[in-house]
Amino acid sequence: MGGKISPSMMCVDFRRLEESVRALERAGVEYLHFDIMDGHFVPNFTLGPDFIRSVREMTDIPFDYHLMVERPEMLLPVFDIREGDIVSVHQEASVHLQRTLQQIRELGAKPSVALNPATPIYAIDEVMDDIDLVLVMTVNPGFAGQKLVPSTIRKISGLKERLLAGGYADVEIEVDGNVSWENAVKMRQAGADIFVAGTSSVFRKGEDIEPLITKFRTCIG
């Protein structure tokens, strides 16, 4: 089975939002990725509930929430989280991480823990029974257009080995950060399953989205 694509909606041309969503539907992307930042956990603000609600009215594609916020458990009720969505919270951001993951599952969504480049993979050992995914950040979170942190490719491989050895083969690995065509090949070979695609792959200025999605699929097939 090939990799799955989760285009980053913070990279979309907001002037052509609905047109872009229709193109993503035609291209058959598996998720739409929403980076939610609070200006505290990361030094940026993005994509509030009103924007997400507007996109909900346009499409039935499942949403992929990445909560780059402090105390994410307090914000879960703010967003229109539905069955089949992914919700990623950072290991460093929630004091009672297991409880937060349980709350996400009770909403019908897939619980996921996000790991920053410097966060070791063993940090989630005690919540492996509570997650469906692990989001490996391949850049430091907060801004689009950053360079890949090279060590994160090894991190993906190490995580994949740890999941298989521990009996968690069904837990998927998502990657986010400079997921270019070239880097996506390396990430797929390392064991990544879901790819957050942005300006370096599927939202390239002046180019149509659908052919870019097609090309990207050849990298993660």
N, C-alpha and C. Protein backbone atom coordinates (compact mmCIF):
# COMPACT_ATOMS: atom_id res chain seq x y z
N MET A 1 0.84 -1.20 0.00
CA MET A 1 0.00 0.00 0.00
C MET A 1 0.88 1.24 0.00
N GLY A 2 0.53 2.20 -0.84
CA GLY A 2 1.31 3.42 -0.93
C GLY A 2 1.10 4.36 0.24
N GLY A 3 1.95 5.39 0.31
CA GLY A 3 1.81 6.38 1.36
C GLY A 3 0.58 7.24 1.18
N LYS A 4 0.19 7.90 2.25
CA LYS A 4 -0.98 8.78 2.24
C LYS A 4 -0.53 10.23 2.27
N ILE A 5 -1.34 11.09 1.67
CA ILE A 5 -1.00 12.51 1.56
C ILE A 5 -1.94 13.35 2.41
N SER A 6 -1.35 14.27 3.17
CA SER A 6 -2.11 15.19 4.01
C SER A 6 -1.61 16.61 3.72
N PRO A 7 -2.15 17.27 2.69
CA PRO A 7 -1.67 18.60 2.32
C PRO A 7 -1.84 19.62 3.45
N SER A 8 -0.82 20.43 3.64
CA SER A 8 -0.83 21.43 4.70
C SER A 8 -1.64 22.65 4.29
N MET A 9 -2.75 22.88 4.97
CA MET A 9 -3.65 23.96 4.59
C MET A 9 -3.10 25.34 4.96
N MET A 10 -2.05 25.41 5.75
CA MET A 10 -1.44 26.71 6.00
C MET A 10 -0.65 27.20 4.79
N CYS A 11 -0.41 26.29 3.84
CA CYS A 11 0.36 26.62 2.64
C CYS A 11 -0.52 26.91 1.44
N VAL A 12 -1.83 26.74 1.58
CA VAL A 12 -2.73 26.95 0.46
C VAL A 12 -2.86 28.45 0.15
N ASP A 13 -3.17 28.76 -1.10
CA ASP A 13 -3.45 30.15 -1.48
C ASP A 13 -4.86 30.49 -0.97
N PHE A 14 -4.94 31.28 0.09
CA PHE A 14 -6.24 31.57 0.69
C PHE A 14 -7.19 32.29 -0.27
N ARG A 15 -6.64 32.94 -1.28
CA ARG A 15 -7.49 33.62 -2.26
C ARG A 15 -8.20 32.63 -3.17
N ARG A 16 -7.70 31.40 -3.20
CA ARG A 16 -8.28 30.35 -4.06
C ARG A 16 -8.61 29.12 -3.23
N LEU A 17 -9.10 29.36 -2.02
CA LEU A 17 -9.27 28.27 -1.06
C LEU A 17 -10.21 27.18 -1.58
N GLU A 18 -11.42 27.55 -1.97
CA GLU A 18 -12.37 26.52 -2.40
C GLU A 18 -11.90 25.84 -3.68
N GLU A 19 -11.33 26.59 -4.59
CA GLU A 19 -10.79 26.00 -5.82
C GLU A 19 -9.70 24.97 -5.48
N SER A 20 -8.86 25.29 -4.51
CA SER A 20 -7.79 24.38 -4.11
C SER A 20 -8.36 23.13 -3.44
N VAL A 21 -9.38 23.30 -2.60
CA VAL A 21 -10.00 22.15 -1.94
C VAL A 21 -10.61 21.21 -2.98
N ARG A 22 -11.24 21.77 -4.00
CA ARG A 22 -11.83 20.93 -5.06
C ARG A 22 -10.73 20.16 -5.79
N ALA A 23 -9.60 20.80 -6.03
CA ALA A 23 -8.48 20.13 -6.70
C ALA A 23 -7.94 19.01 -5.84
N LEU A 24 -7.87 19.22 -4.54
CA LEU A 24 -7.39 18.19 -3.63
C LEU A 24 -8.36 17.02 -3.57
N GLU A 25 -9.64 17.31 -3.67
CA GLU A 25 -10.64 16.23 -3.73
C GLU A 25 -10.45 15.39 -4.98
N ARG A 26 -10.30 16.06 -6.11
CA ARG A 26 -10.14 15.33 -7.37
C ARG A 26 -8.86 14.50 -7.36
N ALA A 27 -7.85 15.00 -6.67
CA ALA A 27 -6.57 14.29 -6.60
C ALA A 27 -6.62 13.12 -5.62
N GLY A 28 -7.68 13.04 -4.82
CA GLY A 28 -7.87 11.91 -3.93
C GLY A 28 -6.98 11.89 -2.70
N VAL A 29 -6.64 13.08 -2.17
CA VAL A 29 -5.80 13.09 -0.96
C VAL A 29 -6.56 12.48 0.21
N GLU A 30 -5.82 11.86 1.11
CA GLU A 30 -6.45 11.13 2.21
C GLU A 30 -6.87 12.03 3.37
N TYR A 31 -6.13 13.12 3.60
CA TYR A 31 -6.43 14.03 4.71
C TYR A 31 -6.15 15.47 4.29
N LEU A 32 -6.67 16.41 5.09
CA LEU A 32 -6.26 17.81 5.02
C LEU A 32 -5.63 18.16 6.36
N HIS A 33 -4.40 18.68 6.31
CA HIS A 33 -3.62 18.93 7.52
C HIS A 33 -3.77 20.38 7.97
N PHE A 34 -4.13 20.56 9.23
CA PHE A 34 -4.33 21.90 9.79
C PHE A 34 -3.34 22.13 10.93
N ASP A 35 -2.43 23.08 10.72
CA ASP A 35 -1.47 23.47 11.75
C ASP A 35 -2.09 24.55 12.61
N ILE A 36 -2.29 24.24 13.88
CA ILE A 36 -2.92 25.17 14.82
C ILE A 36 -1.87 25.60 15.83
N MET A 37 -1.55 26.89 15.83
CA MET A 37 -0.47 27.41 16.67
C MET A 37 -1.01 28.53 17.56
N ASP A 38 -0.53 28.56 18.80
CA ASP A 38 -1.09 29.48 19.79
C ASP A 38 -0.18 30.66 20.14
N GLY A 39 1.00 30.74 19.52
CA GLY A 39 1.92 31.83 19.83
C GLY A 39 2.69 31.63 21.12
N HIS A 40 2.47 30.52 21.81
CA HIS A 40 3.18 30.21 23.06
C HIS A 40 4.04 28.95 22.90
N PHE A 41 3.41 27.85 22.53
CA PHE A 41 4.18 26.62 22.31
C PHE A 41 5.13 26.78 21.14
N VAL A 42 4.68 27.51 20.12
CA VAL A 42 5.53 27.90 19.00
C VAL A 42 5.34 29.39 18.76
N PRO A 43 6.34 30.07 18.18
CA PRO A 43 6.26 31.53 18.02
C PRO A 43 5.50 31.94 16.75
N ASN A 44 4.27 31.48 16.63
CA ASN A 44 3.48 31.83 15.45
C ASN A 44 2.01 31.58 15.78
N PHE A 45 1.11 32.19 14.99
CA PHE A 45 -0.32 31.96 15.11
C PHE A 45 -0.84 31.49 13.76
N THR A 46 -1.64 30.42 13.74
CA THR A 46 -2.24 29.98 12.47
C THR A 46 -3.58 29.31 12.69
N LEU A 47 -4.43 29.37 11.71
CA LEU A 47 -5.60 28.52 11.47
C LEU A 47 -6.48 28.27 12.69
N GLY A 48 -7.38 29.23 12.91
CA GLY A 48 -8.32 29.10 14.01
C GLY A 48 -9.56 28.31 13.65
N PRO A 49 -10.48 28.16 14.60
CA PRO A 49 -11.67 27.33 14.39
C PRO A 49 -12.60 27.86 13.30
N ASP A 50 -12.67 29.16 13.09
CA ASP A 50 -13.55 29.69 12.04
C ASP A 50 -13.08 29.28 10.66
N PHE A 51 -11.77 29.33 10.44
CA PHE A 51 -11.22 28.89 9.16
C PHE A 51 -11.52 27.41 8.93
N ILE A 52 -11.29 26.62 9.95
CA ILE A 52 -11.50 25.18 9.83
C ILE A 52 -12.97 24.87 9.61
N ARG A 53 -13.85 25.60 10.27
CA ARG A 53 -15.29 25.41 10.07
C ARG A 53 -15.68 25.71 8.63
N SER A 54 -15.07 26.71 8.04
CA SER A 54 -15.37 27.06 6.65
C SER A 54 -14.96 25.93 5.70
N VAL A 55 -13.79 25.34 5.96
CA VAL A 55 -13.33 24.24 5.11
C VAL A 55 -14.23 23.02 5.29
N ARG A 56 -14.72 22.80 6.50
CA ARG A 56 -15.64 21.69 6.76
C ARG A 56 -16.86 21.75 5.85
N GLU A 57 -17.32 22.97 5.58
CA GLU A 57 -18.51 23.16 4.76
C GLU A 57 -18.24 22.85 3.29
N MET A 58 -16.96 22.75 2.91
CA MET A 58 -16.59 22.54 1.52
C MET A 58 -16.34 21.09 1.16
N THR A 59 -16.00 20.24 2.15
CA THR A 59 -15.48 18.91 1.81
C THR A 59 -15.76 17.89 2.90
N ASP A 60 -15.72 16.62 2.49
CA ASP A 60 -15.83 15.51 3.44
C ASP A 60 -14.49 14.82 3.69
N ILE A 61 -13.41 15.36 3.14
CA ILE A 61 -12.08 14.79 3.39
C ILE A 61 -11.80 14.85 4.90
N PRO A 62 -11.35 13.76 5.51
CA PRO A 62 -11.02 13.81 6.94
C PRO A 62 -9.94 14.84 7.24
N PHE A 63 -10.01 15.42 8.43
CA PHE A 63 -9.08 16.45 8.85
C PHE A 63 -7.96 15.84 9.69
N ASP A 64 -6.81 16.46 9.59
CA ASP A 64 -5.60 16.04 10.30
C ASP A 64 -5.14 17.25 11.12
N TYR A 65 -5.55 17.28 12.40
CA TYR A 65 -5.25 18.41 13.27
C TYR A 65 -3.88 18.24 13.91
N HIS A 66 -3.04 19.26 13.80
CA HIS A 66 -1.76 19.28 14.49
C HIS A 66 -1.79 20.43 15.48
N LEU A 67 -2.00 20.11 16.76
CA LEU A 67 -2.16 21.13 17.79
C LEU A 67 -0.81 21.50 18.38
N MET A 68 -0.23 22.56 17.86
CA MET A 68 1.03 23.10 18.38
C MET A 68 0.68 24.16 19.41
N VAL A 69 0.11 23.70 20.51
CA VAL A 69 -0.44 24.60 21.53
C VAL A 69 -0.12 24.06 22.91
N GLU A 70 -0.09 24.96 23.88
CA GLU A 70 0.03 24.55 25.27
C GLU A 70 -1.33 24.06 25.77
N ARG A 71 -1.32 23.02 26.59
CA ARG A 71 -2.52 22.42 27.16
C ARG A 71 -3.57 22.14 26.07
N PRO A 72 -3.25 21.30 25.11
CA PRO A 72 -4.17 21.03 24.00
C PRO A 72 -5.51 20.47 24.45
N GLU A 73 -5.52 19.80 25.61
CA GLU A 73 -6.79 19.24 26.09
C GLU A 73 -7.85 20.31 26.32
N MET A 74 -7.43 21.54 26.57
CA MET A 74 -8.38 22.63 26.80
C MET A 74 -9.02 23.11 25.51
N LEU A 75 -8.37 22.83 24.36
CA LEU A 75 -8.87 23.33 23.08
C LEU A 75 -9.62 22.28 22.27
N LEU A 76 -9.63 21.05 22.70
CA LEU A 76 -10.33 20.01 21.93
C LEU A 76 -11.79 20.36 21.66
N PRO A 77 -12.52 20.92 22.62
CA PRO A 77 -13.93 21.24 22.35
C PRO A 77 -14.12 22.39 21.37
N VAL A 78 -13.08 23.17 21.14
CA VAL A 78 -13.20 24.35 20.27
C VAL A 78 -13.30 23.97 18.80
N PHE A 79 -12.68 22.84 18.45
CA PHE A 79 -12.61 22.44 17.05
C PHE A 79 -13.63 21.34 16.74
N ASP A 80 -14.07 21.35 15.50
CA ASP A 80 -15.09 20.40 15.05
C ASP A 80 -14.43 19.07 14.71
N ILE A 81 -14.01 18.36 15.75
CA ILE A 81 -13.32 17.08 15.58
C ILE A 81 -14.35 15.99 15.35
N ARG A 82 -14.13 15.21 14.29
CA ARG A 82 -15.12 14.20 13.90
C ARG A 82 -14.48 12.82 13.78
N GLU A 83 -15.32 11.82 13.68
CA GLU A 83 -14.86 10.45 13.53
C GLU A 83 -14.01 10.32 12.27
N GLY A 84 -12.87 9.67 12.40
CA GLY A 84 -11.96 9.48 11.27
C GLY A 84 -10.90 10.53 11.14
N ASP A 85 -11.03 11.65 11.88
CA ASP A 85 -9.98 12.67 11.87
C ASP A 85 -8.75 12.17 12.64
N ILE A 86 -7.63 12.84 12.40
CA ILE A 86 -6.42 12.63 13.20
C ILE A 86 -6.23 13.86 14.09
N VAL A 87 -5.86 13.66 15.34
CA VAL A 87 -5.52 14.78 16.22
C VAL A 87 -4.17 14.48 16.86
N SER A 88 -3.18 15.31 16.53
CA SER A 88 -1.82 15.17 17.09
C SER A 88 -1.58 16.24 18.14
N VAL A 89 -1.10 15.80 19.30
CA VAL A 89 -0.70 16.72 20.36
C VAL A 89 0.77 16.46 20.68
N HIS A 90 1.45 17.48 21.14
CA HIS A 90 2.87 17.32 21.41
C HIS A 90 3.11 16.71 22.79
N GLN A 91 4.08 15.83 22.82
CA GLN A 91 4.44 15.16 24.07
C GLN A 91 4.79 16.17 25.15
N GLU A 92 5.43 17.27 24.76
CA GLU A 92 5.88 18.26 25.73
C GLU A 92 4.76 19.19 26.20
N ALA A 93 3.61 19.18 25.52
CA ALA A 93 2.60 20.22 25.74
C ALA A 93 1.49 19.83 26.72
N SER A 94 1.34 18.54 26.95
CA SER A 94 0.24 18.08 27.81
C SER A 94 0.80 17.36 29.02
N VAL A 95 0.50 17.87 30.21
CA VAL A 95 1.02 17.26 31.44
C VAL A 95 0.46 15.85 31.61
N HIS A 96 -0.82 15.69 31.34
CA HIS A 96 -1.48 14.39 31.46
C HIS A 96 -1.75 13.85 30.06
N LEU A 97 -0.68 13.42 29.41
CA LEU A 97 -0.76 13.05 28.00
C LEU A 97 -1.73 11.90 27.76
N GLN A 98 -1.68 10.88 28.59
CA GLN A 98 -2.55 9.72 28.37
C GLN A 98 -4.02 10.13 28.44
N ARG A 99 -4.35 10.98 29.37
CA ARG A 99 -5.74 11.45 29.50
C ARG A 99 -6.17 12.23 28.26
N THR A 100 -5.27 13.05 27.73
CA THR A 100 -5.58 13.83 26.53
C THR A 100 -5.82 12.91 25.34
N LEU A 101 -4.99 11.89 25.18
CA LEU A 101 -5.16 10.94 24.09
C LEU A 101 -6.49 10.19 24.23
N GLN A 102 -6.85 9.87 25.46
CA GLN A 102 -8.12 9.20 25.72
C GLN A 102 -9.29 10.10 25.31
N GLN A 103 -9.18 11.39 25.60
CA GLN A 103 -10.23 12.33 25.22
C GLN A 103 -10.38 12.39 23.69
N ILE A 104 -9.27 12.37 22.99
CA ILE A 104 -9.31 12.40 21.53
C ILE A 104 -10.02 11.17 20.99
N ARG A 105 -9.71 10.01 21.55
CA ARG A 105 -10.36 8.78 21.09
C ARG A 105 -11.85 8.80 21.38
N GLU A 106 -12.23 9.37 22.50
CA GLU A 106 -13.65 9.45 22.84
C GLU A 106 -14.42 10.32 21.86
N LEU A 107 -13.73 11.23 21.19
CA LEU A 107 -14.35 12.07 20.17
C LEU A 107 -14.49 11.33 18.84
N GLY A 108 -13.93 10.12 18.75
CA GLY A 108 -14.00 9.33 17.53
C GLY A 108 -12.81 9.53 16.61
N ALA A 109 -11.85 10.34 17.04
CA ALA A 109 -10.69 10.64 16.20
C ALA A 109 -9.54 9.69 16.53
N LYS A 110 -8.51 9.74 15.70
CA LYS A 110 -7.32 8.92 15.89
C LYS A 110 -6.30 9.70 16.71
N PRO A 111 -5.96 9.23 17.91
CA PRO A 111 -4.99 9.96 18.74
C PRO A 111 -3.57 9.79 18.19
N SER A 112 -2.81 10.88 18.26
CA SER A 112 -1.44 10.88 17.76
C SER A 112 -0.59 11.77 18.66
N VAL A 113 0.66 11.36 18.84
CA VAL A 113 1.62 12.19 19.57
C VAL A 113 2.65 12.73 18.59
N ALA A 114 2.90 14.03 18.66
CA ALA A 114 3.92 14.67 17.83
C ALA A 114 5.23 14.76 18.60
N LEU A 115 6.32 14.45 17.91
CA LEU A 115 7.65 14.51 18.50
C LEU A 115 8.50 15.55 17.79
N ASN A 116 8.98 16.54 18.53
CA ASN A 116 9.90 17.52 17.96
C ASN A 116 11.23 16.85 17.62
N PRO A 117 12.05 17.47 16.77
CA PRO A 117 13.32 16.85 16.37
C PRO A 117 14.19 16.40 17.55
N ALA A 118 14.19 17.16 18.64
CA ALA A 118 15.06 16.83 19.78
C ALA A 118 14.38 15.93 20.82
N THR A 119 13.11 15.57 20.60
CA THR A 119 12.39 14.71 21.54
C THR A 119 12.66 13.25 21.20
N PRO A 120 13.18 12.47 22.13
CA PRO A 120 13.51 11.07 21.83
C PRO A 120 12.25 10.22 21.66
N ILE A 121 12.38 9.18 20.86
CA ILE A 121 11.21 8.34 20.58
C ILE A 121 10.76 7.57 21.81
N TYR A 122 11.67 7.31 22.75
CA TYR A 122 11.25 6.57 23.95
C TYR A 122 10.33 7.39 24.85
N ALA A 123 10.17 8.69 24.57
CA ALA A 123 9.31 9.55 25.39
C ALA A 123 7.85 9.14 25.31
N ILE A 124 7.49 8.33 24.31
CA ILE A 124 6.08 7.92 24.18
C ILE A 124 5.89 6.44 24.53
N ASP A 125 6.88 5.81 25.13
CA ASP A 125 6.78 4.39 25.45
C ASP A 125 5.54 4.08 26.30
N GLU A 126 5.22 4.95 27.23
CA GLU A 126 4.13 4.66 28.17
C GLU A 126 2.74 4.96 27.62
N VAL A 127 2.66 5.48 26.40
CA VAL A 127 1.33 5.74 25.82
C VAL A 127 1.13 5.01 24.50
N MET A 128 1.97 4.02 24.24
CA MET A 128 1.86 3.30 22.97
C MET A 128 0.51 2.62 22.80
N ASP A 129 -0.11 2.20 23.88
CA ASP A 129 -1.42 1.55 23.79
C ASP A 129 -2.54 2.55 23.52
N ASP A 130 -2.22 3.84 23.57
CA ASP A 130 -3.25 4.88 23.47
C ASP A 130 -3.22 5.64 22.15
N ILE A 131 -2.32 5.26 21.23
CA ILE A 131 -2.18 6.04 20.00
C ILE A 131 -2.40 5.20 18.76
N ASP A 132 -2.80 5.88 17.69
CA ASP A 132 -2.91 5.27 16.37
C ASP A 132 -1.80 5.74 15.44
N LEU A 133 -1.18 6.87 15.77
CA LEU A 133 -0.12 7.44 14.94
C LEU A 133 0.94 8.10 15.81
N VAL A 134 2.10 8.31 15.19
CA VAL A 134 3.14 9.17 15.74
C VAL A 134 3.51 10.17 14.65
N LEU A 135 3.48 11.45 14.99
CA LEU A 135 3.87 12.50 14.05
C LEU A 135 5.30 12.91 14.33
N VAL A 136 6.19 12.58 13.40
CA VAL A 136 7.60 12.93 13.55
C VAL A 136 7.84 14.27 12.86
N MET A 137 8.19 15.28 13.66
CA MET A 137 8.52 16.58 13.11
C MET A 137 9.95 16.53 12.54
N THR A 138 10.07 16.82 11.26
CA THR A 138 11.38 16.79 10.61
C THR A 138 11.98 18.18 10.47
N VAL A 139 11.28 19.17 11.02
CA VAL A 139 11.80 20.52 11.25
C VAL A 139 11.30 20.93 12.63
N ASN A 140 11.86 21.98 13.19
CA ASN A 140 11.33 22.51 14.43
C ASN A 140 10.03 23.25 14.12
N PRO A 141 8.95 22.96 14.85
CA PRO A 141 7.63 23.46 14.47
C PRO A 141 7.50 24.97 14.62
N GLY A 142 6.61 25.53 13.80
CA GLY A 142 6.30 26.95 13.92
C GLY A 142 6.21 27.69 12.61
N PHE A 143 7.01 27.28 11.61
CA PHE A 143 7.03 28.01 10.35
C PHE A 143 7.22 27.06 9.18
N ALA A 144 6.60 27.40 8.05
CA ALA A 144 6.79 26.64 6.82
C ALA A 144 8.10 27.07 6.16
N GLY A 145 8.60 26.22 5.26
CA GLY A 145 9.76 26.58 4.46
C GLY A 145 11.11 26.37 5.11
N GLN A 146 11.17 25.59 6.21
CA GLN A 146 12.44 25.35 6.87
C GLN A 146 13.19 24.18 6.22
N LYS A 147 14.48 24.08 6.53
CA LYS A 147 15.29 22.98 6.04
C LYS A 147 15.08 21.75 6.92
N LEU A 148 15.19 20.60 6.29
CA LEU A 148 15.08 19.34 7.00
C LEU A 148 16.19 19.20 8.05
N VAL A 149 15.83 18.71 9.22
CA VAL A 149 16.83 18.33 10.23
C VAL A 149 17.29 16.93 9.86
N PRO A 150 18.54 16.75 9.38
CA PRO A 150 18.96 15.47 8.81
C PRO A 150 18.78 14.26 9.72
N SER A 151 18.99 14.44 11.01
CA SER A 151 18.91 13.30 11.94
C SER A 151 17.51 12.71 12.04
N THR A 152 16.50 13.45 11.57
CA THR A 152 15.13 12.95 11.71
C THR A 152 14.85 11.78 10.77
N ILE A 153 15.63 11.63 9.71
CA ILE A 153 15.45 10.46 8.85
C ILE A 153 15.81 9.20 9.63
N ARG A 154 16.90 9.25 10.37
CA ARG A 154 17.28 8.13 11.24
C ARG A 154 16.23 7.90 12.32
N LYS A 155 15.65 8.99 12.77
CA LYS A 155 14.62 8.89 13.81
C LYS A 155 13.40 8.12 13.30
N ILE A 156 13.01 8.38 12.06
CA ILE A 156 11.88 7.64 11.47
C ILE A 156 12.20 6.14 11.44
N SER A 157 13.40 5.81 10.99
CA SER A 157 13.82 4.40 10.93
C SER A 157 13.82 3.77 12.31
N GLY A 158 14.36 4.49 13.28
CA GLY A 158 14.40 3.97 14.65
C GLY A 158 13.02 3.77 15.23
N LEU A 159 12.12 4.70 14.94
CA LEU A 159 10.75 4.58 15.42
C LEU A 159 10.06 3.38 14.79
N LYS A 160 10.27 3.20 13.47
CA LYS A 160 9.65 2.06 12.79
C LYS A 160 10.12 0.75 13.41
N GLU A 161 11.40 0.63 13.65
CA GLU A 161 11.94 -0.58 14.27
C GLU A 161 11.34 -0.80 15.65
N ARG A 162 11.21 0.28 16.41
CA ARG A 162 10.66 0.18 17.77
C ARG A 162 9.20 -0.26 17.74
N LEU A 163 8.44 0.27 16.79
CA LEU A 163 7.03 -0.11 16.68
C LEU A 163 6.89 -1.58 16.33
N LEU A 164 7.67 -2.04 15.37
CA LEU A 164 7.58 -3.44 14.95
C LEU A 164 8.01 -4.38 16.07
N ALA A 165 9.09 -4.02 16.75
CA ALA A 165 9.60 -4.87 17.82
C ALA A 165 8.65 -4.93 19.01
N GLY A 166 7.90 -3.85 19.21
CA GLY A 166 6.99 -3.79 20.36
C GLY A 166 5.60 -4.32 20.08
N GLY A 167 5.36 -4.76 18.85
CA GLY A 167 4.04 -5.28 18.51
C GLY A 167 3.05 -4.20 18.13
N TYR A 168 3.55 -3.06 17.67
CA TYR A 168 2.68 -1.94 17.30
C TYR A 168 2.78 -1.65 15.80
N ALA A 169 2.74 -2.68 15.00
CA ALA A 169 2.89 -2.51 13.55
C ALA A 169 1.77 -1.68 12.94
N ASP A 170 0.61 -1.63 13.61
CA ASP A 170 -0.53 -0.88 13.08
C ASP A 170 -0.43 0.62 13.34
N VAL A 171 0.48 1.04 14.19
CA VAL A 171 0.66 2.47 14.46
C VAL A 171 1.39 3.11 13.28
N GLU A 172 0.75 4.10 12.68
CA GLU A 172 1.32 4.74 11.49
C GLU A 172 2.28 5.86 11.89
N ILE A 173 3.22 6.14 11.00
CA ILE A 173 4.17 7.23 11.19
C ILE A 173 3.84 8.33 10.18
N GLU A 174 3.59 9.51 10.70
CA GLU A 174 3.36 10.69 9.87
C GLU A 174 4.59 11.59 9.95
N VAL A 175 4.92 12.25 8.85
CA VAL A 175 6.08 13.14 8.83
C VAL A 175 5.65 14.53 8.38
N ASP A 176 6.29 15.54 8.99
CA ASP A 176 5.90 16.93 8.73
C ASP A 176 7.14 17.80 8.80
N GLY A 177 7.45 18.48 7.67
CA GLY A 177 8.57 19.42 7.66
C GLY A 177 9.48 19.21 6.47
N ASN A 178 9.43 20.10 5.51
CA ASN A 178 10.23 20.02 4.27
C ASN A 178 10.07 18.66 3.62
N VAL A 179 8.81 18.26 3.44
CA VAL A 179 8.53 16.98 2.78
C VAL A 179 8.53 17.22 1.26
N SER A 180 9.70 17.47 0.74
CA SER A 180 9.89 17.67 -0.69
C SER A 180 9.83 16.33 -1.40
N TRP A 181 9.81 16.36 -2.73
CA TRP A 181 9.82 15.10 -3.48
C TRP A 181 11.04 14.26 -3.10
N GLU A 182 12.19 14.89 -3.06
CA GLU A 182 13.43 14.16 -2.74
C GLU A 182 13.40 13.61 -1.32
N ASN A 183 13.01 14.46 -0.36
CA ASN A 183 12.99 14.02 1.03
C ASN A 183 11.91 12.98 1.28
N ALA A 184 10.78 13.08 0.55
CA ALA A 184 9.70 12.12 0.73
C ALA A 184 10.16 10.70 0.39
N VAL A 185 10.99 10.57 -0.62
CA VAL A 185 11.52 9.24 -0.97
C VAL A 185 12.30 8.66 0.20
N LYS A 186 13.15 9.46 0.81
CA LYS A 186 13.96 9.01 1.94
C LYS A 186 13.07 8.68 3.13
N MET A 187 12.07 9.50 3.36
CA MET A 187 11.16 9.28 4.49
C MET A 187 10.36 8.00 4.30
N ARG A 188 9.91 7.75 3.07
CA ARG A 188 9.15 6.54 2.78
C ARG A 188 10.03 5.31 3.00
N GLN A 189 11.26 5.38 2.52
CA GLN A 189 12.19 4.26 2.70
C GLN A 189 12.49 4.00 4.18
N ALA A 190 12.45 5.07 4.98
CA ALA A 190 12.71 4.94 6.41
C ALA A 190 11.52 4.38 7.17
N GLY A 191 10.33 4.43 6.55
CA GLY A 191 9.17 3.84 7.20
C GLY A 191 7.97 4.75 7.39
N ALA A 192 7.98 5.96 6.82
CA ALA A 192 6.86 6.88 6.97
C ALA A 192 5.65 6.41 6.17
N ASP A 193 4.46 6.69 6.71
CA ASP A 193 3.20 6.28 6.09
C ASP A 193 2.36 7.45 5.58
N ILE A 194 2.36 8.56 6.31
CA ILE A 194 1.54 9.72 5.98
C ILE A 194 2.46 10.92 5.84
N PHE A 195 2.24 11.72 4.78
CA PHE A 195 3.16 12.80 4.43
C PHE A 195 2.43 14.13 4.40
N VAL A 196 2.87 15.06 5.25
CA VAL A 196 2.32 16.42 5.24
C VAL A 196 3.03 17.19 4.14
N ALA A 197 2.28 17.49 3.08
CA ALA A 197 2.87 18.08 1.87
C ALA A 197 2.55 19.57 1.82
N GLY A 198 3.57 20.38 1.57
CA GLY A 198 3.38 21.82 1.55
C GLY A 198 3.97 22.50 0.33
N THR A 199 4.67 23.61 0.56
CA THR A 199 5.16 24.44 -0.53
C THR A 199 6.29 23.79 -1.31
N SER A 200 6.95 22.80 -0.72
CA SER A 200 8.05 22.16 -1.44
C SER A 200 7.59 21.00 -2.31
N SER A 201 6.28 20.72 -2.32
CA SER A 201 5.82 19.56 -3.09
C SER A 201 4.49 19.77 -3.80
N VAL A 202 3.41 20.12 -3.10
CA VAL A 202 2.10 20.16 -3.76
C VAL A 202 1.47 21.54 -3.84
N PHE A 203 2.03 22.52 -3.15
CA PHE A 203 1.54 23.91 -3.26
C PHE A 203 2.67 24.80 -3.78
N ARG A 204 3.03 24.57 -5.02
CA ARG A 204 4.11 25.34 -5.64
C ARG A 204 3.51 26.50 -6.44
N LYS A 205 4.02 27.67 -6.19
CA LYS A 205 3.46 28.88 -6.76
C LYS A 205 3.38 28.80 -8.29
N GLY A 206 2.18 29.09 -8.82
CA GLY A 206 1.98 29.13 -10.26
C GLY A 206 1.78 27.77 -10.91
N GLU A 207 1.72 26.69 -10.12
CA GLU A 207 1.56 25.35 -10.69
C GLU A 207 0.24 24.73 -10.22
N ASP A 208 -0.37 23.92 -11.07
CA ASP A 208 -1.63 23.26 -10.73
C ASP A 208 -1.40 22.17 -9.69
N ILE A 209 -2.35 22.06 -8.77
CA ILE A 209 -2.21 21.13 -7.66
C ILE A 209 -2.27 19.67 -8.10
N GLU A 210 -3.22 19.33 -8.97
CA GLU A 210 -3.44 17.91 -9.29
C GLU A 210 -2.22 17.22 -9.90
N PRO A 211 -1.54 17.81 -10.88
CA PRO A 211 -0.33 17.15 -11.39
C PRO A 211 0.77 17.03 -10.34
N LEU A 212 0.83 17.99 -9.43
CA LEU A 212 1.84 17.92 -8.37
C LEU A 212 1.55 16.77 -7.41
N ILE A 213 0.25 16.57 -7.11
CA ILE A 213 -0.14 15.44 -6.26
C ILE A 213 0.24 14.12 -6.95
N THR A 214 -0.04 14.05 -8.25
CA THR A 214 0.30 12.84 -9.01
C THR A 214 1.78 12.55 -8.94
N LYS A 215 2.60 13.58 -9.13
CA LYS A 215 4.05 13.39 -9.07
C LYS A 215 4.49 12.99 -7.67
N PHE A 216 3.88 13.61 -6.68
CA PHE A 216 4.25 13.30 -5.30
C PHE A 216 3.94 11.84 -4.96
N ARG A 217 2.85 11.33 -5.49
CA ARG A 217 2.49 9.92 -5.21
C ARG A 217 3.55 8.96 -5.74
N THR A 218 4.21 9.34 -6.82
CA THR A 218 5.26 8.46 -7.32
C THR A 218 6.44 8.38 -6.36
N CYS A 219 6.60 9.41 -5.53
CA CYS A 219 7.70 9.43 -4.56
C CYS A 219 7.40 8.57 -3.33
N ILE A 220 6.12 8.40 -3.03
CA ILE A 220 5.76 7.72 -1.78
C ILE A 220 5.03 6.40 -2.05
N GLY A 221 5.04 5.98 -3.32
CA GLY A 221 4.32 4.75 -3.69
C GLY A 221 4.93 3.52 -3.09
